[in-house]
Amino acid sequence: MRNAVAWVSSPVVTMPVAVLAVWMTASASAMAQAVDLGWARLPAGTFRMGCVESDTACLDNERPRHEVTFLEPFEMMAAEVTVVQYAQFVADSQYAEPPSPDFPQAADHPVVLLSWDDAVAFCAWGGGRLPTEAEWEYAARGGRDGLVFGTSQELVRDQANYGADQCCSGATGDGDAWTNTAPVRSFAPNDFGLFDMTGNVWEWVDGWLDDDYYSSSPRIAPPGAATGYARIARGGSWLNFAAALRTSVRLPFAQNGQTSNVGVRCARSLRGAPAD
């Protein structure tokens, strides 16, 4: 799976923990009112997480498939964080700008070249947080069960923006007109009203990658592993062949890694969330 993504190791400027804590407690809610993050509400419910029975490409860290329950609804951004949303965050906070990718992006394209820490800082500014892996996969499956690509058994270019059949380059065809990132919301949403849960850019999630976590994770709203060997991104991207976009794929990334096909969408708990 490491061949399915372009890897970049770059120094990054990260936010001091004390400053991030202040944002999360004192000013995040006010700042969230200044930018529309487009929250979508997900219902409480139960789903089966992990590699589906019909998937012949399962990796060990995608097993065992197991039942997860959310007792309360929560919210996620309906689309990935865009270039213009991240620019407002930078302007408001004086946080360091990410590097520019080597391809053009408009304001409504997903921001890329974010480290895990950058993603955490943005979500805190927006009054949210990174989704857990379980929240992310529940959202990506959109209330459907047993499908390799979340809402479909096979992937076609009318459904998502993804790469060439062989690693690693962008590709176009049918409804996918973008060699690199596509404007968010370019494809139909899933049944939870979420766009681009498959393809466009990988999305950072909370927690650590522990290959054995699924064997012992809590059944109720698992928070993700507290330790592990890498951070995790989910969902696949414009650079990857179709098999890398399987909904159960858990891709390892270095915490300070910045690549041109990794972005973020935020989640938030409903308790204490600011009114939209």
Protein backbone atom coordinates (compact mmCIF):
# COMPACT_ATOMS: atom_id res chain seq x y z
CA MET A 1 0.00 0.00 0.00
CA ARG A 2 2.95 2.36 0.49
CA ASN A 3 3.36 2.40 -3.30
CA ALA A 4 -0.13 3.83 -3.62
CA VAL A 5 0.81 7.32 -2.49
CA ALA A 6 3.48 9.92 -3.12
CA TRP A 7 5.48 10.37 0.08
CA VAL A 8 6.94 13.74 1.08
CA SER A 9 8.96 14.52 4.19
CA SER A 10 9.07 18.26 4.85
CA PRO A 11 9.79 20.39 7.90
CA VAL A 12 6.64 22.05 9.19
CA VAL A 13 5.81 24.86 11.58
CA THR A 14 3.48 23.57 14.27
CA MET A 15 1.37 25.40 16.80
CA PRO A 16 2.48 25.44 20.44
CA VAL A 17 0.25 23.20 22.52
CA ALA A 18 -0.65 26.03 24.90
CA VAL A 19 -1.86 28.23 22.05
CA LEU A 20 -3.95 25.40 20.58
CA ALA A 21 -5.54 24.77 23.99
CA VAL A 22 -6.54 28.42 24.27
CA TRP A 23 -8.24 28.26 20.89
CA MET A 24 -10.13 25.13 21.79
CA THR A 25 -11.53 26.54 25.02
CA ALA A 26 -11.84 30.29 24.55
CA SER A 27 -12.13 31.41 20.97
CA ALA A 28 -12.87 28.50 18.64
CA SER A 29 -16.63 28.87 18.88
CA ALA A 30 -16.50 32.56 18.00
CA MET A 31 -14.15 31.99 15.10
CA ALA A 32 -16.32 29.17 13.75
CA GLN A 33 -19.08 31.70 13.17
CA ALA A 34 -16.83 33.67 10.82
CA VAL A 35 -16.39 30.89 8.26
CA ASP A 36 -18.94 28.44 6.92
CA LEU A 37 -17.58 24.94 7.44
CA GLY A 38 -20.77 23.32 6.18
CA TRP A 39 -21.62 20.89 8.95
CA ALA A 40 -23.76 17.81 8.24
CA ARG A 41 -25.49 15.90 11.03
CA LEU A 42 -24.99 12.13 11.24
CA PRO A 43 -27.53 10.04 13.13
CA ALA A 44 -26.77 7.72 16.00
CA GLY A 45 -26.52 4.14 14.79
CA THR A 46 -24.62 0.89 14.42
CA PHE A 47 -22.44 -0.29 11.54
CA ARG A 48 -19.83 -2.90 10.78
CA MET A 49 -16.33 -1.48 10.51
CA GLY A 50 -13.42 -2.98 8.61
CA CYS A 51 -12.80 -4.89 5.40
CA VAL A 52 -16.00 -6.33 3.92
CA GLU A 53 -16.39 -10.02 3.18
CA SER A 54 -16.46 -9.54 -0.61
CA ASP A 55 -13.20 -7.56 -0.66
CA THR A 56 -10.29 -9.64 -1.97
CA ALA A 57 -7.69 -6.95 -1.22
CA CYS A 58 -8.01 -6.88 2.59
CA LEU A 59 -4.94 -6.11 4.65
CA ASP A 60 -4.44 -7.51 8.14
CA ASN A 61 -4.87 -4.12 9.80
CA GLU A 62 -8.36 -3.83 8.25
CA ARG A 63 -9.52 -6.95 10.15
CA PRO A 64 -11.46 -8.23 11.96
CA ARG A 65 -14.66 -6.65 10.75
CA HIS A 66 -16.51 -5.63 13.88
CA GLU A 67 -19.65 -3.88 15.04
CA VAL A 68 -19.47 -0.25 16.23
CA THR A 69 -22.30 1.76 17.77
CA PHE A 70 -22.72 5.52 18.18
CA LEU A 71 -25.25 6.27 20.88
CA GLU A 72 -25.45 9.95 20.00
CA PRO A 73 -25.47 11.86 16.71
CA PHE A 74 -22.46 13.94 15.74
CA GLU A 75 -21.48 16.23 12.89
CA MET A 76 -18.87 16.26 10.16
CA MET A 77 -18.04 18.78 7.48
CA ALA A 78 -20.02 17.87 4.39
CA ALA A 79 -16.93 18.52 2.25
CA GLU A 80 -13.18 18.59 2.68
CA VAL A 81 -11.54 21.76 3.97
CA THR A 82 -10.98 24.08 1.03
CA VAL A 83 -8.16 26.39 0.05
CA VAL A 84 -10.23 29.47 0.94
CA GLN A 85 -11.32 28.07 4.33
CA TYR A 86 -7.74 27.31 5.27
CA ALA A 87 -6.64 30.76 4.08
CA GLN A 88 -9.12 32.38 6.48
CA PHE A 89 -7.74 30.23 9.30
CA VAL A 90 -4.23 31.43 8.47
CA ALA A 91 -5.37 35.06 8.31
CA ASP A 92 -7.24 34.86 11.62
CA SER A 93 -4.59 32.94 13.54
CA GLN A 94 -1.28 33.86 11.92
CA TYR A 95 -0.62 30.12 11.65
CA ALA A 96 1.99 29.19 9.06
CA GLU A 97 0.73 28.73 5.51
CA PRO A 98 1.20 25.25 4.00
CA PRO A 99 3.51 24.84 1.01
CA SER A 100 1.92 25.23 -2.41
CA PRO A 101 1.46 22.09 -4.51
CA ASP A 102 3.05 21.88 -7.96
CA PHE A 103 -0.34 22.11 -9.66
CA PRO A 104 -2.95 24.90 -9.73
CA GLN A 105 -5.81 25.00 -7.23
CA ALA A 106 -8.84 27.27 -7.06
CA ALA A 107 -10.47 28.50 -3.85
CA ASP A 108 -12.96 25.62 -3.82
CA HIS A 109 -10.37 22.85 -4.13
CA PRO A 110 -9.34 20.89 -1.03
CA VAL A 111 -6.31 22.28 0.74
CA VAL A 112 -3.33 19.89 0.66
CA LEU A 113 0.17 19.57 2.10
CA LEU A 114 -1.17 19.62 5.65
CA SER A 115 0.57 17.76 8.45
CA TRP A 116 -1.50 16.01 11.09
CA ASP A 117 -0.76 18.88 13.48
CA ASP A 118 -1.93 21.41 10.89
CA ALA A 119 -5.20 19.50 10.57
CA VAL A 120 -5.67 19.45 14.36
CA ALA A 121 -5.06 23.19 14.58
CA PHE A 122 -7.53 24.00 11.80
CA CYS A 123 -10.29 21.88 13.30
CA ALA A 124 -9.78 23.44 16.73
CA TRP A 125 -10.04 26.91 15.17
CA GLY A 126 -13.27 25.86 13.47
CA GLY A 127 -14.88 24.68 16.69
CA GLY A 128 -14.33 21.01 15.97
CA ARG A 129 -11.76 18.23 16.04
CA LEU A 130 -10.45 15.44 13.88
CA PRO A 131 -12.92 12.59 13.42
CA THR A 132 -12.05 9.27 14.96
CA GLU A 133 -11.45 6.41 12.54
CA ALA A 134 -14.77 4.89 13.50
CA GLU A 135 -16.62 8.16 12.93
CA TRP A 136 -14.92 8.59 9.59
CA GLU A 137 -15.78 5.10 8.33
CA TYR A 138 -19.34 5.32 9.63
CA ALA A 139 -19.68 8.58 7.71
CA ALA A 140 -18.04 7.17 4.56
CA ARG A 141 -20.39 4.18 4.44
CA GLY A 142 -23.39 6.50 4.52
CA GLY A 143 -25.73 4.04 6.16
CA ARG A 144 -24.98 1.24 3.69
CA ASP A 145 -23.40 -2.09 4.61
CA GLY A 146 -20.99 -4.49 2.98
CA LEU A 147 -19.77 -2.40 0.03
CA VAL A 148 -16.09 -2.17 -0.87
CA PHE A 149 -16.17 1.54 -1.72
CA GLY A 150 -18.55 2.70 0.97
CA THR A 151 -21.57 3.34 -1.22
CA SER A 152 -20.70 1.10 -4.19
CA GLN A 153 -19.21 -2.30 -4.86
CA GLU A 154 -17.08 -1.06 -7.76
CA LEU A 155 -15.54 2.34 -8.41
CA VAL A 156 -16.12 4.36 -11.57
CA ARG A 157 -14.99 7.85 -12.53
CA ASP A 158 -18.50 9.24 -12.41
CA GLN A 159 -18.37 8.73 -8.63
CA ALA A 160 -14.95 9.97 -7.52
CA ASN A 161 -11.67 11.66 -8.42
CA TYR A 162 -8.83 9.13 -8.40
CA GLY A 163 -5.62 8.22 -10.17
CA ALA A 164 -4.23 6.01 -12.92
CA ASP A 165 -4.58 2.24 -12.80
CA GLN A 166 -0.88 1.93 -12.00
CA CYS A 167 0.85 3.96 -9.29
CA CYS A 168 1.25 6.90 -9.11
CA SER A 169 -0.25 9.69 -11.17
CA GLY A 170 -3.51 11.53 -11.64
CA ALA A 171 -5.93 10.50 -14.36
CA THR A 172 -9.17 11.64 -15.95
CA GLY A 173 -12.18 10.06 -17.59
CA ASP A 174 -15.98 10.17 -17.66
CA GLY A 175 -17.14 12.37 -14.77
CA ASP A 176 -13.62 12.79 -13.39
CA ALA A 177 -12.24 15.75 -15.34
CA TRP A 178 -9.39 16.59 -12.92
CA THR A 179 -5.86 15.23 -13.14
CA ASN A 180 -5.12 16.58 -9.67
CA THR A 181 -7.58 17.78 -7.01
CA ALA A 182 -11.20 18.44 -7.96
CA PRO A 183 -13.40 21.19 -6.54
CA VAL A 184 -15.16 19.82 -3.48
CA ARG A 185 -18.75 18.68 -4.09
CA SER A 186 -17.98 17.80 -7.72
CA PHE A 187 -19.58 14.36 -7.29
CA ALA A 188 -22.87 13.26 -5.76
CA PRO A 189 -22.98 13.02 -1.94
CA ASN A 190 -23.62 9.82 -0.04
CA ASP A 191 -26.83 9.19 1.89
CA PHE A 192 -25.51 11.18 4.88
CA GLY A 193 -24.99 14.22 2.63
CA LEU A 194 -21.19 13.96 2.62
CA PHE A 195 -19.07 14.63 -0.47
CA ASP A 196 -15.77 13.07 -1.56
CA MET A 197 -15.54 10.47 1.19
CA THR A 198 -13.94 8.41 -1.57
CA GLY A 199 -11.09 10.03 -3.47
CA ASN A 200 -9.97 13.63 -4.08
CA VAL A 201 -7.66 13.80 -1.03
CA TRP A 202 -6.78 11.54 1.87
CA GLU A 203 -8.22 12.83 5.13
CA TRP A 204 -6.43 12.86 8.48
CA VAL A 205 -8.20 11.14 11.39
CA ASP A 206 -7.48 11.07 15.11
CA GLY A 207 -5.60 8.32 16.91
CA TRP A 208 -2.64 6.14 15.99
CA LEU A 209 -2.23 3.19 13.66
CA ASP A 210 -2.05 0.01 15.72
CA ASP A 211 -2.47 -2.99 13.45
CA ASP A 212 -4.16 -5.00 16.21
CA TYR A 213 -6.55 -2.30 17.46
CA TYR A 214 -9.63 -3.74 15.77
CA SER A 215 -9.28 -6.94 17.80
CA SER A 216 -9.73 -5.13 21.10
CA SER A 217 -11.34 -1.76 20.37
CA PRO A 218 -14.46 -0.74 22.33
CA ARG A 219 -17.80 -1.45 20.70
CA ILE A 220 -19.27 1.92 21.68
CA ALA A 221 -17.73 4.93 19.88
CA PRO A 222 -14.11 3.69 19.87
CA PRO A 223 -11.71 6.61 20.31
CA GLY A 224 -8.85 5.10 18.31
CA ALA A 225 -5.55 3.69 19.49
CA ALA A 226 -3.64 5.80 22.01
CA THR A 227 -0.28 4.60 20.67
CA GLY A 228 1.01 3.22 17.40
CA TYR A 229 3.63 3.51 14.72
CA ALA A 230 2.04 6.17 12.46
CA ARG A 231 -0.83 8.59 12.10
CA ILE A 232 -3.68 7.60 9.80
CA ALA A 233 -5.34 9.02 6.69
CA ARG A 234 -8.47 7.60 5.11
CA GLY A 235 -10.37 7.72 1.83
CA GLY A 236 -7.83 7.72 -1.02
CA SER A 237 -6.97 10.54 -3.39
CA TRP A 238 -6.55 11.89 -6.91
CA LEU A 239 -3.10 10.24 -7.05
CA ASN A 240 -4.09 6.67 -6.17
CA PHE A 241 -5.33 3.67 -8.12
CA ALA A 242 -8.80 2.41 -7.27
CA ALA A 243 -7.79 -0.32 -4.79
CA ALA A 244 -6.29 2.32 -2.49
CA LEU A 245 -9.71 3.99 -2.24
CA ARG A 246 -11.39 1.00 -0.58
CA THR A 247 -13.28 2.41 2.41
CA SER A 248 -11.55 0.16 4.94
CA VAL A 249 -8.00 1.19 3.94
CA ARG A 250 -5.97 2.68 6.80
CA LEU A 251 -2.93 4.42 5.34
CA PRO A 252 0.06 5.19 7.59
CA PHE A 253 1.62 8.65 7.45
CA ALA A 254 4.25 10.38 9.55
CA GLN A 255 2.70 12.96 11.87
CA ASN A 256 4.74 15.78 10.33
CA GLY A 257 4.36 14.49 6.77
CA GLN A 258 3.03 16.88 4.14
CA THR A 259 1.94 15.51 0.77
CA SER A 260 0.08 16.93 -2.18
CA ASN A 261 -2.78 14.45 -1.80
CA VAL A 262 -3.59 14.76 1.92
CA GLY A 263 -6.11 17.18 3.41
CA VAL A 264 -8.74 17.09 6.14
CA ARG A 265 -12.39 17.39 7.11
CA CYS A 266 -13.41 18.07 10.69
CA ALA A 267 -15.96 16.54 13.04
CA ARG A 268 -17.63 17.89 16.15
CA SER A 269 -19.71 16.53 18.97
CA LEU A 270 -23.14 18.07 19.30
CA ARG A 271 -22.82 18.78 23.00
CA GLY A 272 -21.40 22.26 23.30
CA ALA A 273 -21.29 22.84 19.54
CA PRO A 274 -22.01 26.42 18.48
CA ALA A 275 -25.36 27.07 16.80
CA ASP A 276 -25.15 27.30 13.00
